């Protein structure tokens, strides 16, 4: 939804273009790997969900740093994935990240939860693949592609602002 991207661009800590930064992209990949390791080493269900989500999120954020997009709002980051990076990610991968985000909030902030053990097992299987996908995209992007993605993001935001 382009109007959501426009909204995200207008809020504090929402979508902002920054200088592309390979060093930050690498640092977020390391954070994603550390979260993955934590997910496999903790026994607590709640922390498995949280660390699994953050491995997904940091993997995606490494790609945003490569492109030069800052977004401190997790829902907005997922909207960037859905609308700008849909050439690299399937709708199912976008849904996984969004479902994991909601599960993390539910398990981290509430005592009772409807998050299933089955979802935890799904995260354990899919997080490593997602991390590899993000690394592959980060490593495969050239300067021309980065600039094109930045330009496309601004077009999507402008289109969202101009929707009735």
N, C-alpha and C. Protein backbone atom coordinates (compact mmCIF):
# COMPACT_ATOMS: atom_id res chain seq x y z
N UNK A 1 0.84 -1.19 0.00
CA UNK A 1 0.00 0.00 0.00
C UNK A 1 0.88 1.24 0.00
N UNK A 2 0.79 1.96 -1.09
CA UNK A 2 1.61 3.15 -1.24
C UNK A 2 1.25 4.22 -0.22
N UNK A 3 -0.03 4.29 0.16
CA UNK A 3 -0.41 5.30 1.15
C UNK A 3 0.23 5.01 2.50
N UNK A 4 0.47 3.74 2.82
CA UNK A 4 1.16 3.39 4.06
C UNK A 4 2.62 3.84 4.00
N UNK A 5 3.26 3.67 2.84
CA UNK A 5 4.63 4.16 2.69
C UNK A 5 4.68 5.67 2.86
N UNK A 6 3.71 6.37 2.29
CA UNK A 6 3.67 7.83 2.44
C UNK A 6 3.49 8.20 3.91
N UNK A 7 2.60 7.49 4.60
CA UNK A 7 2.41 7.74 6.03
C UNK A 7 3.72 7.51 6.78
N UNK A 8 4.39 6.40 6.46
CA UNK A 8 5.66 6.06 7.11
C UNK A 8 6.73 7.12 6.86
N UNK A 9 6.72 7.72 5.68
CA UNK A 9 7.70 8.76 5.37
C UNK A 9 7.43 10.04 6.13
N UNK A 10 6.20 10.21 6.61
CA UNK A 10 5.84 11.44 7.30
C UNK A 10 5.93 11.39 8.81
N UNK A 11 6.18 10.21 9.39
CA UNK A 11 6.21 10.11 10.84
C UNK A 11 7.64 10.17 11.37
N UNK A 12 7.76 10.55 12.63
CA UNK A 12 9.06 10.54 13.29
C UNK A 12 9.55 9.09 13.33
N UNK A 13 10.81 8.89 13.03
CA UNK A 13 11.44 7.57 13.00
C UNK A 13 10.87 6.67 11.91
N UNK A 14 10.20 7.27 10.94
CA UNK A 14 9.68 6.52 9.81
C UNK A 14 10.74 6.37 8.73
N UNK A 15 10.30 6.32 7.49
CA UNK A 15 11.20 6.10 6.36
C UNK A 15 11.96 7.37 6.01
N UNK A 16 13.29 7.24 5.93
CA UNK A 16 14.16 8.35 5.54
C UNK A 16 15.27 7.79 4.65
N UNK A 17 15.64 8.54 3.63
CA UNK A 17 16.81 8.17 2.85
C UNK A 17 18.06 8.67 3.56
N UNK A 18 19.04 7.81 3.65
CA UNK A 18 20.35 8.14 4.23
C UNK A 18 21.40 7.66 3.24
N UNK A 19 22.64 7.93 3.52
CA UNK A 19 23.70 7.44 2.64
C UNK A 19 23.76 5.92 2.72
N UNK A 20 23.83 5.24 1.57
CA UNK A 20 24.04 3.80 1.62
C UNK A 20 25.33 3.50 2.39
N UNK A 21 25.31 2.41 3.17
CA UNK A 21 26.44 2.16 4.05
C UNK A 21 26.72 0.65 4.12
N UNK A 22 27.76 0.23 3.41
CA UNK A 22 28.13 -1.18 3.40
C UNK A 22 28.59 -1.66 4.77
N UNK A 23 29.25 -0.78 5.54
CA UNK A 23 29.70 -1.17 6.87
C UNK A 23 28.52 -1.46 7.79
N UNK A 24 27.50 -0.62 7.75
CA UNK A 24 26.31 -0.88 8.56
C UNK A 24 25.56 -2.11 8.06
N UNK A 25 25.54 -2.30 6.75
CA UNK A 25 24.90 -3.50 6.20
C UNK A 25 25.58 -4.75 6.77
N UNK A 26 26.90 -4.75 6.81
CA UNK A 26 27.64 -5.89 7.38
C UNK A 26 27.39 -6.03 8.87
N UNK A 27 27.34 -4.92 9.58
CA UNK A 27 27.11 -4.96 11.03
C UNK A 27 25.73 -5.54 11.35
N UNK A 28 24.72 -5.18 10.55
CA UNK A 28 23.38 -5.74 10.79
C UNK A 28 23.32 -7.21 10.40
N UNK A 29 24.11 -7.63 9.42
CA UNK A 29 24.17 -9.06 9.11
C UNK A 29 24.75 -9.83 10.29
N UNK A 30 25.76 -9.27 10.92
CA UNK A 30 26.35 -9.91 12.10
C UNK A 30 25.32 -9.99 13.22
N UNK A 31 24.58 -8.90 13.45
CA UNK A 31 23.52 -8.92 14.47
C UNK A 31 22.48 -9.99 14.15
N UNK A 32 22.14 -10.15 12.88
CA UNK A 32 21.17 -11.17 12.47
C UNK A 32 21.70 -12.57 12.78
N UNK A 33 22.98 -12.79 12.50
CA UNK A 33 23.59 -14.09 12.78
C UNK A 33 23.64 -14.36 14.28
N UNK A 34 23.95 -13.34 15.07
CA UNK A 34 23.98 -13.51 16.53
C UNK A 34 22.59 -13.82 17.07
N UNK A 35 21.57 -13.16 16.53
CA UNK A 35 20.20 -13.44 16.97
C UNK A 35 19.80 -14.86 16.59
N UNK A 36 20.24 -15.31 15.41
CA UNK A 36 19.97 -16.69 15.00
C UNK A 36 20.62 -17.68 15.96
N UNK A 37 21.88 -17.43 16.31
CA UNK A 37 22.57 -18.29 17.28
C UNK A 37 21.82 -18.30 18.60
N UNK A 38 21.38 -17.14 19.05
CA UNK A 38 20.64 -17.06 20.31
C UNK A 38 19.34 -17.85 20.22
N UNK A 39 18.66 -17.75 19.09
CA UNK A 39 17.39 -18.47 18.92
C UNK A 39 17.60 -19.97 19.11
N UNK A 40 18.71 -20.48 18.60
CA UNK A 40 18.99 -21.91 18.71
C UNK A 40 19.51 -22.30 20.09
N UNK A 41 20.00 -21.34 20.86
CA UNK A 41 20.60 -21.70 22.15
C UNK A 41 19.67 -21.49 23.35
N UNK A 42 18.64 -20.65 23.20
CA UNK A 42 17.75 -20.42 24.35
C UNK A 42 16.68 -21.50 24.40
N UNK A 43 16.24 -21.78 25.62
CA UNK A 43 15.19 -22.79 25.76
C UNK A 43 13.81 -22.14 25.93
N UNK A 44 13.78 -20.89 26.33
CA UNK A 44 12.51 -20.19 26.56
C UNK A 44 11.78 -19.95 25.24
N UNK A 45 10.53 -20.36 25.20
CA UNK A 45 9.68 -20.16 24.03
C UNK A 45 9.62 -18.68 23.65
N UNK A 46 9.38 -17.81 24.63
CA UNK A 46 9.26 -16.38 24.36
C UNK A 46 10.53 -15.82 23.72
N UNK A 47 11.68 -16.23 24.22
CA UNK A 47 12.93 -15.71 23.69
C UNK A 47 13.27 -16.32 22.33
N UNK A 48 12.82 -17.54 22.08
CA UNK A 48 12.99 -18.11 20.73
C UNK A 48 12.25 -17.25 19.71
N UNK A 49 11.03 -16.85 20.06
CA UNK A 49 10.24 -16.01 19.15
C UNK A 49 10.93 -14.66 18.96
N UNK A 50 11.35 -14.03 20.06
CA UNK A 50 11.99 -12.71 19.96
C UNK A 50 13.28 -12.75 19.16
N UNK A 51 14.14 -13.71 19.47
CA UNK A 51 15.42 -13.77 18.76
C UNK A 51 15.23 -14.17 17.30
N UNK A 52 14.24 -15.03 17.04
CA UNK A 52 13.94 -15.39 15.66
C UNK A 52 13.48 -14.18 14.87
N UNK A 53 12.58 -13.40 15.48
CA UNK A 53 12.10 -12.19 14.81
C UNK A 53 13.26 -11.23 14.54
N UNK A 54 14.09 -11.00 15.56
CA UNK A 54 15.17 -10.03 15.37
C UNK A 54 16.20 -10.51 14.35
N UNK A 55 16.39 -11.81 14.22
CA UNK A 55 17.26 -12.29 13.16
C UNK A 55 16.68 -11.93 11.79
N UNK A 56 15.37 -12.14 11.63
CA UNK A 56 14.70 -11.74 10.39
C UNK A 56 14.83 -10.24 10.16
N UNK A 57 14.52 -9.47 11.19
CA UNK A 57 14.49 -8.02 11.08
C UNK A 57 15.88 -7.46 10.75
N UNK A 58 16.90 -7.90 11.49
CA UNK A 58 18.25 -7.39 11.25
C UNK A 58 18.75 -7.80 9.86
N UNK A 59 18.35 -8.99 9.39
CA UNK A 59 18.71 -9.41 8.03
C UNK A 59 18.15 -8.43 7.01
N UNK A 60 16.87 -8.12 7.17
CA UNK A 60 16.23 -7.17 6.27
C UNK A 60 16.84 -5.78 6.41
N UNK A 61 17.12 -5.37 7.64
CA UNK A 61 17.67 -4.04 7.87
C UNK A 61 19.06 -3.90 7.27
N UNK A 62 19.81 -5.00 7.20
CA UNK A 62 21.12 -4.93 6.54
C UNK A 62 20.94 -4.54 5.07
N UNK A 63 19.90 -5.05 4.45
CA UNK A 63 19.61 -4.69 3.06
C UNK A 63 19.21 -3.21 2.96
N UNK A 64 18.42 -2.74 3.91
CA UNK A 64 18.05 -1.32 3.88
C UNK A 64 19.27 -0.43 4.02
N UNK A 65 20.23 -0.82 4.86
CA UNK A 65 21.45 -0.02 5.02
C UNK A 65 22.27 -0.03 3.73
N UNK A 66 22.28 -1.14 3.04
CA UNK A 66 22.98 -1.23 1.75
C UNK A 66 22.37 -0.23 0.76
N UNK A 67 21.04 -0.09 0.81
CA UNK A 67 20.34 0.80 -0.11
C UNK A 67 20.38 2.25 0.39
N UNK A 68 20.49 2.42 1.70
CA UNK A 68 20.47 3.76 2.28
C UNK A 68 19.07 4.18 2.67
N UNK A 69 18.35 3.27 3.31
CA UNK A 69 17.00 3.56 3.79
C UNK A 69 16.98 3.31 5.29
N UNK A 70 16.58 4.33 6.02
CA UNK A 70 16.45 4.20 7.47
C UNK A 70 14.97 4.14 7.81
N UNK A 71 14.62 3.20 8.67
CA UNK A 71 13.24 3.07 9.13
C UNK A 71 13.28 2.44 10.52
N UNK A 72 12.94 3.21 11.53
CA UNK A 72 12.97 2.70 12.90
C UNK A 72 11.61 2.16 13.33
N UNK A 73 10.63 2.23 12.46
CA UNK A 73 9.31 1.69 12.73
C UNK A 73 9.24 0.33 12.04
N UNK A 74 9.09 -0.74 12.82
CA UNK A 74 9.16 -2.08 12.26
C UNK A 74 8.07 -2.35 11.23
N UNK A 75 6.87 -1.85 11.46
CA UNK A 75 5.79 -2.04 10.47
C UNK A 75 6.14 -1.34 9.17
N UNK A 76 6.75 -0.18 9.27
CA UNK A 76 7.15 0.55 8.06
C UNK A 76 8.26 -0.19 7.32
N UNK A 77 9.18 -0.78 8.06
CA UNK A 77 10.25 -1.56 7.44
C UNK A 77 9.66 -2.71 6.63
N UNK A 78 8.64 -3.36 7.18
CA UNK A 78 7.99 -4.47 6.48
C UNK A 78 7.24 -3.95 5.25
N UNK A 79 6.67 -2.76 5.32
CA UNK A 79 6.01 -2.17 4.15
C UNK A 79 7.01 -1.91 3.03
N UNK A 80 8.22 -1.50 3.38
CA UNK A 80 9.27 -1.31 2.38
C UNK A 80 9.55 -2.66 1.69
N UNK A 81 9.62 -3.69 2.50
CA UNK A 81 9.86 -5.03 1.96
C UNK A 81 8.75 -5.43 0.98
N UNK A 82 7.50 -5.20 1.39
CA UNK A 82 6.35 -5.59 0.55
C UNK A 82 6.28 -4.80 -0.76
N UNK A 83 6.56 -3.51 -0.69
CA UNK A 83 6.30 -2.63 -1.83
C UNK A 83 7.52 -2.31 -2.68
N UNK A 84 8.68 -2.24 -2.08
CA UNK A 84 9.88 -1.87 -2.82
C UNK A 84 10.74 -3.08 -3.16
N UNK A 85 10.79 -4.03 -2.26
CA UNK A 85 11.71 -5.16 -2.40
C UNK A 85 11.00 -6.44 -2.83
N UNK A 86 9.83 -6.29 -3.43
CA UNK A 86 9.02 -7.45 -3.82
C UNK A 86 9.65 -8.25 -4.98
N UNK A 87 10.66 -7.71 -5.59
CA UNK A 87 11.41 -8.46 -6.60
C UNK A 87 12.33 -9.50 -5.94
N UNK A 88 12.66 -9.23 -4.68
CA UNK A 88 13.61 -10.08 -3.96
C UNK A 88 12.95 -11.02 -2.95
N UNK A 89 11.73 -10.66 -2.52
CA UNK A 89 11.05 -11.43 -1.48
C UNK A 89 9.65 -11.83 -1.94
N UNK A 90 9.23 -13.01 -1.55
CA UNK A 90 7.89 -13.49 -1.87
C UNK A 90 6.88 -12.88 -0.89
N UNK A 91 5.61 -12.85 -1.27
CA UNK A 91 4.58 -12.42 -0.31
C UNK A 91 4.61 -13.26 0.97
N UNK A 92 4.92 -14.55 0.83
CA UNK A 92 5.00 -15.44 1.99
C UNK A 92 6.11 -15.01 2.95
N UNK A 93 7.24 -14.58 2.41
CA UNK A 93 8.34 -14.10 3.26
C UNK A 93 7.94 -12.81 3.97
N UNK A 94 7.24 -11.94 3.27
CA UNK A 94 6.75 -10.70 3.90
C UNK A 94 5.78 -11.03 5.02
N UNK A 95 4.88 -11.98 4.76
CA UNK A 95 3.93 -12.40 5.80
C UNK A 95 4.64 -13.02 6.99
N UNK A 96 5.69 -13.81 6.73
CA UNK A 96 6.45 -14.41 7.82
C UNK A 96 7.01 -13.33 8.73
N UNK A 97 7.62 -12.30 8.15
CA UNK A 97 8.21 -11.24 8.96
C UNK A 97 7.13 -10.51 9.76
N UNK A 98 6.00 -10.24 9.14
CA UNK A 98 4.92 -9.54 9.85
C UNK A 98 4.33 -10.41 10.96
N UNK A 99 4.13 -11.69 10.68
CA UNK A 99 3.61 -12.60 11.70
C UNK A 99 4.60 -12.73 12.86
N UNK A 100 5.88 -12.81 12.54
CA UNK A 100 6.91 -12.89 13.58
C UNK A 100 6.95 -11.61 14.41
N UNK A 101 6.74 -10.48 13.76
CA UNK A 101 6.72 -9.19 14.50
C UNK A 101 5.58 -9.20 15.52
N UNK A 102 4.40 -9.60 15.07
CA UNK A 102 3.25 -9.65 15.99
C UNK A 102 3.46 -10.68 17.09
N UNK A 103 4.04 -11.82 16.74
CA UNK A 103 4.30 -12.86 17.75
C UNK A 103 5.30 -12.37 18.77
N UNK A 104 6.32 -11.65 18.32
CA UNK A 104 7.31 -11.10 19.25
C UNK A 104 6.67 -10.13 20.22
N UNK A 105 5.81 -9.26 19.73
CA UNK A 105 5.12 -8.31 20.61
C UNK A 105 4.26 -9.07 21.61
N UNK A 106 3.54 -10.05 21.12
CA UNK A 106 2.64 -10.80 22.00
C UNK A 106 3.40 -11.56 23.08
N UNK A 107 4.48 -12.23 22.72
CA UNK A 107 5.22 -13.01 23.71
C UNK A 107 6.08 -12.15 24.62
N UNK A 108 6.51 -11.01 24.13
CA UNK A 108 7.39 -10.17 24.93
C UNK A 108 6.62 -9.31 25.93
N UNK A 109 5.42 -8.89 25.57
CA UNK A 109 4.71 -7.92 26.40
C UNK A 109 3.52 -8.49 27.15
N UNK A 110 3.08 -9.70 26.82
CA UNK A 110 1.89 -10.25 27.45
C UNK A 110 2.18 -11.60 28.07
N UNK A 111 1.47 -11.91 29.13
CA UNK A 111 1.69 -13.15 29.86
C UNK A 111 1.06 -14.33 29.14
N UNK A 112 -0.15 -14.17 28.69
CA UNK A 112 -0.80 -15.25 27.94
C UNK A 112 -0.58 -15.00 26.46
N UNK A 113 -0.46 -16.07 25.71
CA UNK A 113 -0.16 -15.92 24.30
C UNK A 113 -0.91 -16.95 23.46
N UNK A 114 -1.19 -16.57 22.24
CA UNK A 114 -1.81 -17.51 21.30
C UNK A 114 -0.80 -17.96 20.26
N UNK A 115 0.47 -17.61 20.45
CA UNK A 115 1.52 -18.02 19.52
C UNK A 115 1.78 -19.51 19.75
N UNK A 116 1.79 -20.26 18.66
CA UNK A 116 1.90 -21.72 18.78
C UNK A 116 3.34 -22.21 18.74
N UNK A 117 3.54 -23.38 19.30
CA UNK A 117 4.83 -24.06 19.20
C UNK A 117 5.15 -24.33 17.73
N UNK A 118 4.11 -24.56 16.94
CA UNK A 118 4.28 -24.81 15.51
C UNK A 118 4.92 -23.60 14.83
N UNK A 119 4.49 -22.39 15.23
CA UNK A 119 5.08 -21.19 14.63
C UNK A 119 6.55 -21.07 15.04
N UNK A 120 6.86 -21.40 16.27
CA UNK A 120 8.25 -21.38 16.72
C UNK A 120 9.10 -22.33 15.88
N UNK A 121 8.57 -23.51 15.59
CA UNK A 121 9.30 -24.47 14.76
C UNK A 121 9.46 -23.94 13.33
N UNK A 122 8.43 -23.27 12.82
CA UNK A 122 8.51 -22.66 11.50
C UNK A 122 9.61 -21.62 11.46
N UNK A 123 9.67 -20.77 12.49
CA UNK A 123 10.73 -19.77 12.56
C UNK A 123 12.10 -20.44 12.54
N UNK A 124 12.26 -21.47 13.34
CA UNK A 124 13.56 -22.15 13.41
C UNK A 124 14.02 -22.65 12.05
N UNK A 125 13.08 -23.07 11.23
CA UNK A 125 13.42 -23.56 9.89
C UNK A 125 13.65 -22.43 8.90
N UNK A 126 12.84 -21.39 9.00
CA UNK A 126 12.84 -20.37 7.94
C UNK A 126 13.80 -19.22 8.17
N UNK A 127 14.15 -18.94 9.41
CA UNK A 127 15.05 -17.81 9.69
C UNK A 127 16.40 -17.99 9.00
N UNK A 128 17.04 -19.15 9.09
CA UNK A 128 18.35 -19.27 8.42
C UNK A 128 18.26 -19.05 6.91
N UNK A 129 17.21 -19.54 6.28
CA UNK A 129 17.05 -19.34 4.83
C UNK A 129 16.86 -17.87 4.50
N UNK A 130 16.08 -17.16 5.33
CA UNK A 130 15.84 -15.74 5.11
C UNK A 130 17.14 -14.95 5.23
N UNK A 131 17.94 -15.30 6.22
CA UNK A 131 19.22 -14.63 6.42
C UNK A 131 20.10 -14.81 5.18
N UNK A 132 20.14 -16.02 4.63
CA UNK A 132 20.93 -16.29 3.43
C UNK A 132 20.38 -15.49 2.24
N UNK A 133 19.06 -15.42 2.11
CA UNK A 133 18.45 -14.64 1.03
C UNK A 133 18.88 -13.18 1.12
N UNK A 134 18.77 -12.61 2.31
CA UNK A 134 19.14 -11.20 2.48
C UNK A 134 20.61 -10.97 2.18
N UNK A 135 21.48 -11.84 2.65
CA UNK A 135 22.91 -11.71 2.36
C UNK A 135 23.16 -11.75 0.86
N UNK A 136 22.48 -12.64 0.19
CA UNK A 136 22.63 -12.79 -1.26
C UNK A 136 22.20 -11.51 -1.98
N UNK A 137 21.09 -10.94 -1.55
CA UNK A 137 20.62 -9.69 -2.18
C UNK A 137 21.61 -8.56 -1.90
N UNK A 138 22.03 -8.42 -0.65
CA UNK A 138 22.99 -7.38 -0.28
C UNK A 138 24.25 -7.51 -1.13
N UNK A 139 24.77 -8.71 -1.22
CA UNK A 139 26.03 -8.92 -1.96
C UNK A 139 25.85 -8.77 -3.47
N UNK A 140 24.63 -8.94 -3.96
CA UNK A 140 24.38 -8.87 -5.39
C UNK A 140 24.03 -7.51 -5.93
N UNK A 141 23.68 -6.57 -5.05
CA UNK A 141 23.28 -5.24 -5.51
C UNK A 141 24.48 -4.41 -5.94
N UNK A 142 24.37 -3.80 -7.11
CA UNK A 142 25.40 -2.86 -7.52
C UNK A 142 24.90 -1.43 -7.32
N UNK A 143 25.77 -0.48 -7.56
CA UNK A 143 25.45 0.94 -7.33
C UNK A 143 24.24 1.39 -8.14
N UNK A 144 24.16 0.96 -9.38
CA UNK A 144 23.03 1.35 -10.23
C UNK A 144 21.71 0.84 -9.65
N UNK A 145 21.70 -0.40 -9.20
CA UNK A 145 20.48 -0.97 -8.61
C UNK A 145 20.10 -0.25 -7.32
N UNK A 146 21.09 0.08 -6.51
CA UNK A 146 20.84 0.82 -5.27
C UNK A 146 20.17 2.15 -5.59
N UNK A 147 20.71 2.87 -6.55
CA UNK A 147 20.16 4.18 -6.91
C UNK A 147 18.74 4.04 -7.47
N UNK A 148 18.51 3.00 -8.25
CA UNK A 148 17.17 2.76 -8.82
C UNK A 148 16.16 2.45 -7.70
N UNK A 149 16.56 1.66 -6.72
CA UNK A 149 15.66 1.35 -5.60
C UNK A 149 15.34 2.62 -4.80
N UNK A 150 16.33 3.45 -4.58
CA UNK A 150 16.10 4.71 -3.85
C UNK A 150 15.11 5.60 -4.61
N UNK A 151 15.31 5.70 -5.91
CA UNK A 151 14.42 6.50 -6.76
C UNK A 151 13.00 5.93 -6.74
N UNK A 152 12.89 4.62 -6.87
CA UNK A 152 11.57 3.97 -6.87
C UNK A 152 10.86 4.19 -5.54
N UNK A 153 11.59 4.12 -4.43
CA UNK A 153 10.96 4.37 -3.13
C UNK A 153 10.35 5.76 -3.08
N UNK A 154 11.06 6.76 -3.55
CA UNK A 154 10.54 8.13 -3.53
C UNK A 154 9.31 8.26 -4.43
N UNK A 155 9.31 7.57 -5.56
CA UNK A 155 8.14 7.58 -6.44
C UNK A 155 6.94 6.94 -5.74
N UNK A 156 7.15 5.80 -5.10
CA UNK A 156 6.07 5.12 -4.37
C UNK A 156 5.50 6.00 -3.26
N UNK A 157 6.38 6.67 -2.55
CA UNK A 157 5.93 7.57 -1.46
C UNK A 157 5.12 8.73 -2.04
N UNK A 158 5.61 9.32 -3.13
CA UNK A 158 4.88 10.43 -3.76
C UNK A 158 3.52 9.97 -4.29
N UNK A 159 3.48 8.78 -4.88
CA UNK A 159 2.19 8.25 -5.37
C UNK A 159 1.23 8.05 -4.21
N UNK A 160 1.74 7.59 -3.09
CA UNK A 160 0.90 7.39 -1.90
C UNK A 160 0.34 8.69 -1.35
N UNK A 161 1.17 9.74 -1.41
CA UNK A 161 0.71 11.06 -0.95
C UNK A 161 -0.36 11.62 -1.85
N UNK A 162 -0.34 11.24 -3.11
CA UNK A 162 -1.27 11.79 -4.08
C UNK A 162 -2.53 10.94 -4.28
N UNK A 163 -2.66 9.87 -3.52
CA UNK A 163 -3.86 9.04 -3.62
C UNK A 163 -5.04 9.79 -2.96
N UNK A 164 -6.23 9.65 -3.55
CA UNK A 164 -7.39 10.34 -2.97
C UNK A 164 -7.79 9.78 -1.63
